[in-house]
Amino acid sequence: TFWEWFYAIVKLTKDHLHRFYKENLIAGFIAKDQAQQ
């Protein structure tokens, strides 16, 4: 489900990516085709 997907991302970010996300080193919520562009 959508919630399962979003909840897992929040948990991953909190546990392993917290500092990188706060320092704007992670693009995060973008689609695969947008990344390619």
All heavy atoms as atom14 arrays in JSON, in Angstrom:
{
  "sequence": "TFWEWFYAIVKLTKDHLHRFYKENLIAGFIAKDQAQQ",
  "atom14_mask": [
    [1, 1, 1, 1, 1, 1, 1, 0, 0, 0, 0, 0, 0, 0],
    [1, 1, 1, 1, 1, 1, 1, 1, 1, 1, 1, 0, 0, 0],
    [1, 1, 1, 1, 1, 1, 1, 1, 1, 1, 1, 1, 1, 1],
    [1, 1, 1, 1, 1, 1, 1, 1, 1, 0, 0, 0, 0, 0],
    [1, 1, 1, 1, 1, 1, 1, 1, 1, 1, 1, 1, 1, 1],
    [1, 1, 1, 1, 1, 1, 1, 1, 1, 1, 1, 0, 0, 0],
    [1, 1, 1, 1, 1, 1, 1, 1, 1, 1, 1, 1, 0, 0],
    [1, 1, 1, 1, 1, 0, 0, 0, 0, 0, 0, 0, 0, 0],
    [1, 1, 1, 1, 1, 1, 1, 1, 0, 0, 0, 0, 0, 0],
    [1, 1, 1, 1, 1, 1, 1, 0, 0, 0, 0, 0, 0, 0],
    [1, 1, 1, 1, 1, 1, 1, 1, 1, 0, 0, 0, 0, 0],
    [1, 1, 1, 1, 1, 1, 1, 1, 0, 0, 0, 0, 0, 0],
    [1, 1, 1, 1, 1, 1, 1, 0, 0, 0, 0, 0, 0, 0],
    [1, 1, 1, 1, 1, 1, 1, 1, 1, 0, 0, 0, 0, 0],
    [1, 1, 1, 1, 1, 1, 1, 1, 0, 0, 0, 0, 0, 0],
    [1, 1, 1, 1, 1, 1, 1, 1, 1, 1, 0, 0, 0, 0],
    [1, 1, 1, 1, 1, 1, 1, 1, 0, 0, 0, 0, 0, 0],
    [1, 1, 1, 1, 1, 1, 1, 1, 1, 1, 0, 0, 0, 0],
    [1, 1, 1, 1, 1, 1, 1, 1, 1, 1, 1, 0, 0, 0],
    [1, 1, 1, 1, 1, 1, 1, 1, 1, 1, 1, 0, 0, 0],
    [1, 1, 1, 1, 1, 1, 1, 1, 1, 1, 1, 1, 0, 0],
    [1, 1, 1, 1, 1, 1, 1, 1, 1, 0, 0, 0, 0, 0],
    [1, 1, 1, 1, 1, 1, 1, 1, 1, 0, 0, 0, 0, 0],
    [1, 1, 1, 1, 1, 1, 1, 1, 0, 0, 0, 0, 0, 0],
    [1, 1, 1, 1, 1, 1, 1, 1, 0, 0, 0, 0, 0, 0],
    [1, 1, 1, 1, 1, 1, 1, 1, 0, 0, 0, 0, 0, 0],
    [1, 1, 1, 1, 1, 0, 0, 0, 0, 0, 0, 0, 0, 0],
    [1, 1, 1, 1, 0, 0, 0, 0, 0, 0, 0, 0, 0, 0],
    [1, 1, 1, 1, 1, 1, 1, 1, 1, 1, 1, 0, 0, 0],
    [1, 1, 1, 1, 1, 1, 1, 1, 0, 0, 0, 0, 0, 0],
    [1, 1, 1, 1, 1, 0, 0, 0, 0, 0, 0, 0, 0, 0],
    [1, 1, 1, 1, 1, 1, 1, 1, 1, 0, 0, 0, 0, 0],
    [1, 1, 1, 1, 1, 1, 1, 1, 0, 0, 0, 0, 0, 0],
    [1, 1, 1, 1, 1, 1, 1, 1, 1, 0, 0, 0, 0, 0],
    [1, 1, 1, 1, 1, 0, 0, 0, 0, 0, 0, 0, 0, 0],
    [1, 1, 1, 1, 1, 1, 1, 1, 1, 0, 0, 0, 0, 0],
    [1, 1, 1, 1, 1, 1, 1, 1, 1, 0, 0, 0, 0, 0]
  ],
  "atom14_positions": [
    [[0.83, -1.2, 0.0], [0.0, 0.0, 0.0], [0.87, 1.26, 0.0], [2.07, 1.21, 0.26], [-0.91, 0.05, 1.24], [-0.08, 0.19, 2.42], [-1.72, -1.24, 1.36], [0.0, 0.0, 0.0], [0.0, 0.0, 0.0], [0.0, 0.0, 0.0], [0.0, 0.0, 0.0], [0.0, 0.0, 0.0], [0.0, 0.0, 0.0], [0.0, 0.0, 0.0]],
    [[0.22, 2.41, -0.24], [0.93, 3.68, -0.19], [1.52, 3.9, 1.2], [2.68, 4.29, 1.33], [0.0, 4.84, -0.54], [0.59, 6.18, -0.21], [1.47, 6.79, -1.08], [0.3, 6.82, 1.0], [2.05, 8.03, -0.77], [0.87, 8.04, 1.32], [1.75, 8.65, 0.43], [0.0, 0.0, 0.0], [0.0, 0.0, 0.0], [0.0, 0.0, 0.0]],
    [[0.72, 3.66, 2.24], [1.21, 3.93, 3.59], [2.4, 3.04, 3.94], [3.36, 3.51, 4.57], [0.09, 3.76, 4.62], [0.61, 3.82, 6.02], [0.7, 2.8, 6.92], [1.17, 4.96, 6.68], [1.26, 3.21, 8.1], [1.56, 4.54, 7.98], [1.37, 6.28, 6.32], [2.13, 5.41, 8.89], [1.96, 7.15, 7.23], [2.33, 6.72, 8.5]],
    [[2.36, 1.78, 3.57], [3.48, 0.87, 3.83], [4.75, 1.4, 3.16], [5.84, 1.36, 3.74], [3.17, -0.53, 3.34], [2.14, -1.26, 4.18], [1.7, -2.57, 3.57], [1.61, -2.65, 2.32], [1.42, -3.53, 4.32], [0.0, 0.0, 0.0], [0.0, 0.0, 0.0], [0.0, 0.0, 0.0], [0.0, 0.0, 0.0], [0.0, 0.0, 0.0]],
    [[4.61, 1.91, 1.94], [5.75, 2.46, 1.2], [6.29, 3.72, 1.89], [7.5, 3.84, 2.13], [5.32, 2.76, -0.24], [6.33, 3.46, -1.07], [7.43, 2.91, -1.66], [6.34, 4.85, -1.43], [8.14, 3.88, -2.36], [7.49, 5.07, -2.22], [5.49, 5.92, -1.15], [7.8, 6.33, -2.76], [5.8, 7.18, -1.68], [6.94, 7.35, -2.46]],
    [[5.41, 4.64, 2.24], [5.83, 5.9, 2.86], [6.41, 5.64, 4.25], [7.45, 6.21, 4.61], [4.65, 6.86, 2.95], [4.98, 8.18, 3.58], [5.64, 9.16, 2.86], [4.63, 8.45, 4.9], [5.96, 10.39, 3.44], [4.95, 9.66, 5.49], [5.61, 10.64, 4.75], [0.0, 0.0, 0.0], [0.0, 0.0, 0.0], [0.0, 0.0, 0.0]],
    [[5.77, 4.8, 5.03], [6.23, 4.49, 6.39], [7.64, 3.89, 6.35], [8.49, 4.24, 7.19], [5.25, 3.5, 7.02], [5.64, 3.03, 8.4], [5.28, 3.75, 9.53], [6.35, 1.84, 8.58], [5.62, 3.31, 10.81], [6.7, 1.4, 9.85], [6.34, 2.14, 10.96], [6.69, 1.7, 12.21], [0.0, 0.0, 0.0], [0.0, 0.0, 0.0]],
    [[7.9, 3.01, 5.39], [9.22, 2.38, 5.28], [10.29, 3.41, 4.93], [11.43, 3.34, 5.4], [9.19, 1.26, 4.25], [0.0, 0.0, 0.0], [0.0, 0.0, 0.0], [0.0, 0.0, 0.0], [0.0, 0.0, 0.0], [0.0, 0.0, 0.0], [0.0, 0.0, 0.0], [0.0, 0.0, 0.0], [0.0, 0.0, 0.0], [0.0, 0.0, 0.0]],
    [[9.94, 4.39, 4.09], [10.89, 5.45, 3.73], [11.21, 6.31, 4.95], [12.38, 6.66, 5.2], [10.32, 6.32, 2.59], [10.37, 5.54, 1.27], [11.1, 7.63, 2.46], [9.75, 6.28, 0.1], [0.0, 0.0, 0.0], [0.0, 0.0, 0.0], [0.0, 0.0, 0.0], [0.0, 0.0, 0.0], [0.0, 0.0, 0.0], [0.0, 0.0, 0.0]],
    [[10.19, 6.67, 5.71], [10.41, 7.48, 6.92], [11.33, 6.75, 7.88], [12.27, 7.33, 8.45], [9.07, 7.82, 7.59], [9.31, 8.52, 8.93], [8.23, 8.71, 6.69], [0.0, 0.0, 0.0], [0.0, 0.0, 0.0], [0.0, 0.0, 0.0], [0.0, 0.0, 0.0], [0.0, 0.0, 0.0], [0.0, 0.0, 0.0], [0.0, 0.0, 0.0]],
    [[11.09, 5.47, 8.08], [11.9, 4.68, 9.0], [13.35, 4.57, 8.51], [14.29, 4.7, 9.3], [11.29, 3.29, 9.18], [12.03, 2.41, 10.18], [11.28, 1.14, 10.48], [12.04, 0.25, 11.44], [12.34, 0.93, 12.71], [0.0, 0.0, 0.0], [0.0, 0.0, 0.0], [0.0, 0.0, 0.0], [0.0, 0.0, 0.0], [0.0, 0.0, 0.0]],
    [[13.52, 4.32, 7.22], [14.87, 4.23, 6.66], [15.62, 5.55, 6.82], [16.79, 5.56, 7.21], [14.8, 3.85, 5.17], [16.16, 3.68, 4.49], [16.76, 2.31, 4.82], [16.02, 3.82, 2.97], [0.0, 0.0, 0.0], [0.0, 0.0, 0.0], [0.0, 0.0, 0.0], [0.0, 0.0, 0.0], [0.0, 0.0, 0.0], [0.0, 0.0, 0.0]],
    [[14.94, 6.65, 6.54], [15.58, 7.97, 6.65], [15.94, 8.28, 8.09], [17.03, 8.78, 8.38], [14.64, 9.06, 6.09], [14.24, 8.71, 4.76], [15.34, 10.41, 6.05], [0.0, 0.0, 0.0], [0.0, 0.0, 0.0], [0.0, 0.0, 0.0], [0.0, 0.0, 0.0], [0.0, 0.0, 0.0], [0.0, 0.0, 0.0], [0.0, 0.0, 0.0]],
    [[15.04, 7.99, 8.99], [15.29, 8.24, 10.42], [16.47, 7.42, 10.93], [17.31, 7.92, 11.69], [14.03, 7.92, 11.22], [14.18, 8.11, 12.71], [12.89, 7.75, 13.43], [13.04, 7.89, 14.95], [11.78, 7.52, 15.66], [0.0, 0.0, 0.0], [0.0, 0.0, 0.0], [0.0, 0.0, 0.0], [0.0, 0.0, 0.0], [0.0, 0.0, 0.0]],
    [[16.56, 6.15, 10.53], [17.57, 5.25, 11.07], [18.93, 5.38, 10.39], [19.97, 5.19, 11.05], [17.09, 3.8, 10.94], [15.9, 3.49, 11.83], [15.62, 4.3, 12.73], [15.25, 2.45, 11.63], [0.0, 0.0, 0.0], [0.0, 0.0, 0.0], [0.0, 0.0, 0.0], [0.0, 0.0, 0.0], [0.0, 0.0, 0.0], [0.0, 0.0, 0.0]],
    [[18.96, 5.71, 9.09], [20.22, 5.64, 8.35], [20.58, 6.89, 7.53], [21.75, 7.05, 7.17], [20.2, 4.44, 7.4], [20.05, 3.12, 8.08], [21.08, 2.53, 8.78], [18.99, 2.28, 8.19], [20.68, 1.38, 9.27], [19.41, 1.2, 8.94], [0.0, 0.0, 0.0], [0.0, 0.0, 0.0], [0.0, 0.0, 0.0], [0.0, 0.0, 0.0]],
    [[19.6, 7.73, 7.21], [19.87, 8.81, 6.25], [19.59, 10.19, 6.84], [19.58, 11.18, 6.1], [19.0, 8.61, 5.0], [19.0, 7.21, 4.38], [17.97, 7.12, 3.27], [20.39, 6.85, 3.85], [0.0, 0.0, 0.0], [0.0, 0.0, 0.0], [0.0, 0.0, 0.0], [0.0, 0.0, 0.0], [0.0, 0.0, 0.0], [0.0, 0.0, 0.0]],
    [[19.37, 10.25, 8.13], [18.92, 11.48, 8.77], [19.81, 12.67, 8.45], [19.34, 13.71, 7.96], [18.85, 11.25, 10.29], [18.36, 12.43, 11.06], [19.21, 13.35, 11.63], [17.11, 12.84, 11.34], [18.5, 14.28, 12.25], [17.23, 13.99, 12.1], [0.0, 0.0, 0.0], [0.0, 0.0, 0.0], [0.0, 0.0, 0.0], [0.0, 0.0, 0.0]],
    [[21.1, 12.53, 8.68], [22.03, 13.66, 8.46], [22.12, 14.05, 7.0], [22.11, 15.23, 6.64], [23.42, 13.29, 8.98], [24.48, 14.37, 8.75], [25.75, 14.06, 9.5], [26.35, 12.83, 9.06], [27.23, 12.76, 8.04], [27.56, 13.85, 7.37], [27.76, 11.61, 7.7], [0.0, 0.0, 0.0], [0.0, 0.0, 0.0], [0.0, 0.0, 0.0]],
    [[22.16, 13.06, 6.12], [22.28, 13.33, 4.68], [21.04, 14.06, 4.16], [21.14, 14.97, 3.34], [22.47, 12.03, 3.9], [23.65, 11.22, 4.37], [23.54, 9.86, 4.56], [24.86, 11.83, 4.64], [24.62, 9.11, 5.0], [25.95, 11.1, 5.08], [25.83, 9.73, 5.26], [0.0, 0.0, 0.0], [0.0, 0.0, 0.0], [0.0, 0.0, 0.0]],
    [[19.86, 13.66, 4.66], [18.63, 14.3, 4.19], [18.56, 15.74, 4.69], [18.18, 16.65, 3.94], [17.41, 13.51, 4.66], [16.17, 13.84, 3.88], [15.81, 13.11, 2.74], [15.35, 14.91, 4.25], [14.68, 13.44, 2.01], [14.22, 15.23, 3.52], [13.89, 14.49, 2.4], [12.78, 14.82, 1.67], [0.0, 0.0, 0.0], [0.0, 0.0, 0.0]],
    [[18.93, 15.98, 5.93], [18.88, 17.32, 6.49], [19.87, 18.25, 5.8], [19.65, 19.45, 5.71], [19.14, 17.29, 8.0], [18.04, 16.63, 8.81], [18.19, 16.86, 10.29], [17.86, 18.29, 10.66], [17.82, 18.5, 12.12], [0.0, 0.0, 0.0], [0.0, 0.0, 0.0], [0.0, 0.0, 0.0], [0.0, 0.0, 0.0], [0.0, 0.0, 0.0]],
    [[20.97, 17.68, 5.28], [21.97, 18.49, 4.58], [21.67, 18.59, 3.09], [22.5, 19.06, 2.31], [23.35, 17.89, 4.81], [23.82, 17.99, 6.25], [25.19, 17.34, 6.47], [25.78, 16.86, 5.49], [25.64, 17.33, 7.63], [0.0, 0.0, 0.0], [0.0, 0.0, 0.0], [0.0, 0.0, 0.0], [0.0, 0.0, 0.0], [0.0, 0.0, 0.0]],
    [[20.47, 18.13, 2.69], [20.01, 18.24, 1.31], [20.9, 17.49, 0.33], [21.1, 17.9, -0.82], [19.93, 19.72, 0.9], [18.93, 19.95, -0.22], [17.93, 19.23, -0.33], [19.19, 20.93, -1.05], [0.0, 0.0, 0.0], [0.0, 0.0, 0.0], [0.0, 0.0, 0.0], [0.0, 0.0, 0.0], [0.0, 0.0, 0.0], [0.0, 0.0, 0.0]],
    [[21.44, 16.36, 0.77], [22.28, 15.54, -0.1], [21.48, 14.44, -0.8], [22.02, 13.75, -1.67], [23.4, 14.89, 0.73], [24.32, 15.85, 1.49], [25.36, 15.06, 2.29], [25.0, 16.81, 0.52], [0.0, 0.0, 0.0], [0.0, 0.0, 0.0], [0.0, 0.0, 0.0], [0.0, 0.0, 0.0], [0.0, 0.0, 0.0], [0.0, 0.0, 0.0]],
    [[20.21, 14.31, -0.43], [19.36, 13.27, -1.01], [18.21, 13.92, -1.76], [17.47, 14.73, -1.19], [18.81, 12.33, 0.09], [19.98, 11.6, 0.76], [17.81, 11.35, -0.48], [19.55, 10.72, 1.92], [0.0, 0.0, 0.0], [0.0, 0.0, 0.0], [0.0, 0.0, 0.0], [0.0, 0.0, 0.0], [0.0, 0.0, 0.0], [0.0, 0.0, 0.0]],
    [[18.07, 13.59, -3.04], [16.97, 14.12, -3.83], [15.64, 13.58, -3.31], [14.64, 14.29, -3.25], [17.15, 13.77, -5.31], [0.0, 0.0, 0.0], [0.0, 0.0, 0.0], [0.0, 0.0, 0.0], [0.0, 0.0, 0.0], [0.0, 0.0, 0.0], [0.0, 0.0, 0.0], [0.0, 0.0, 0.0], [0.0, 0.0, 0.0], [0.0, 0.0, 0.0]],
    [[15.63, 12.3, -2.94], [14.49, 11.73, -2.24], [13.3, 11.38, -3.09], [13.32, 10.42, -3.87], [0.0, 0.0, 0.0], [0.0, 0.0, 0.0], [0.0, 0.0, 0.0], [0.0, 0.0, 0.0], [0.0, 0.0, 0.0], [0.0, 0.0, 0.0], [0.0, 0.0, 0.0], [0.0, 0.0, 0.0], [0.0, 0.0, 0.0], [0.0, 0.0, 0.0]],
    [[12.24, 12.17, -2.97], [10.96, 11.84, -3.59], [10.91, 12.32, -5.04], [10.24, 13.32, -5.36], [9.81, 12.45, -2.78], [9.67, 11.87, -1.41], [10.14, 12.56, -0.3], [9.06, 10.64, -1.22], [10.0, 12.02, 0.97], [8.92, 10.09, 0.05], [9.4, 10.79, 1.15], [0.0, 0.0, 0.0], [0.0, 0.0, 0.0], [0.0, 0.0, 0.0]],
    [[11.59, 11.62, -5.9], [11.51, 11.91, -7.33], [11.38, 10.59, -8.08], [11.84, 9.54, -7.63], [12.75, 12.68, -7.85], [14.02, 11.87, -7.66], [12.87, 14.04, -7.14], [15.23, 12.5, -8.33], [0.0, 0.0, 0.0], [0.0, 0.0, 0.0], [0.0, 0.0, 0.0], [0.0, 0.0, 0.0], [0.0, 0.0, 0.0], [0.0, 0.0, 0.0]],
    [[10.74, 10.65, -9.25], [10.52, 9.45, -10.05], [11.77, 9.09, -10.84], [12.68, 9.91, -11.04], [9.35, 9.68, -11.0], [0.0, 0.0, 0.0], [0.0, 0.0, 0.0], [0.0, 0.0, 0.0], [0.0, 0.0, 0.0], [0.0, 0.0, 0.0], [0.0, 0.0, 0.0], [0.0, 0.0, 0.0], [0.0, 0.0, 0.0], [0.0, 0.0, 0.0]],
    [[11.8, 7.86, -11.31], [12.95, 7.37, -12.07], [13.16, 8.18, -13.35], [14.29, 8.54, -13.68], [12.73, 5.9, -12.41], [13.9, 5.23, -13.1], [13.63, 3.75, -13.31], [14.8, 3.05, -13.98], [14.52, 1.59, -14.17], [0.0, 0.0, 0.0], [0.0, 0.0, 0.0], [0.0, 0.0, 0.0], [0.0, 0.0, 0.0], [0.0, 0.0, 0.0]],
    [[12.08, 8.48, -14.06], [12.22, 9.24, -15.31], [12.64, 10.68, -15.04], [13.37, 11.29, -15.83], [10.94, 9.18, -16.13], [9.72, 9.68, -15.36], [9.84, 9.95, -14.15], [8.64, 9.8, -15.98], [0.0, 0.0, 0.0], [0.0, 0.0, 0.0], [0.0, 0.0, 0.0], [0.0, 0.0, 0.0], [0.0, 0.0, 0.0], [0.0, 0.0, 0.0]],
    [[12.21, 11.24, -13.89], [12.65, 12.59, -13.54], [14.14, 12.61, -13.24], [14.86, 13.54, -13.62], [11.87, 13.1, -12.34], [12.23, 14.53, -11.95], [11.49, 15.02, -10.72], [10.6, 14.34, -10.19], [11.84, 16.2, -10.24], [0.0, 0.0, 0.0], [0.0, 0.0, 0.0], [0.0, 0.0, 0.0], [0.0, 0.0, 0.0], [0.0, 0.0, 0.0]],
    [[14.64, 11.58, -12.55], [16.07, 11.48, -12.27], [16.86, 11.41, -13.57], [17.93, 12.02, -13.69], [16.34, 10.24, -11.42], [0.0, 0.0, 0.0], [0.0, 0.0, 0.0], [0.0, 0.0, 0.0], [0.0, 0.0, 0.0], [0.0, 0.0, 0.0], [0.0, 0.0, 0.0], [0.0, 0.0, 0.0], [0.0, 0.0, 0.0], [0.0, 0.0, 0.0]],
    [[16.34, 10.68, -14.53], [17.03, 10.57, -15.82], [17.09, 11.92, -16.52], [18.12, 12.28, -17.09], [16.32, 9.55, -16.7], [17.02, 9.31, -18.03], [16.55, 8.04, -18.71], [15.91, 7.19, -18.09], [16.87, 7.9, -19.98], [0.0, 0.0, 0.0], [0.0, 0.0, 0.0], [0.0, 0.0, 0.0], [0.0, 0.0, 0.0], [0.0, 0.0, 0.0]],
    [[16.0, 12.68, -16.47], [15.98, 14.01, -17.08], [16.97, 14.95, -16.4], [17.63, 15.75, -17.06], [14.57, 14.59, -17.02], [13.54, 13.85, -17.86], [12.13, 14.37, -17.64], [11.92, 15.38, -16.95], [11.14, 13.68, -18.19], [0.0, 0.0, 0.0], [0.0, 0.0, 0.0], [0.0, 0.0, 0.0], [0.0, 0.0, 0.0], [0.0, 0.0, 0.0]]
  ]
}
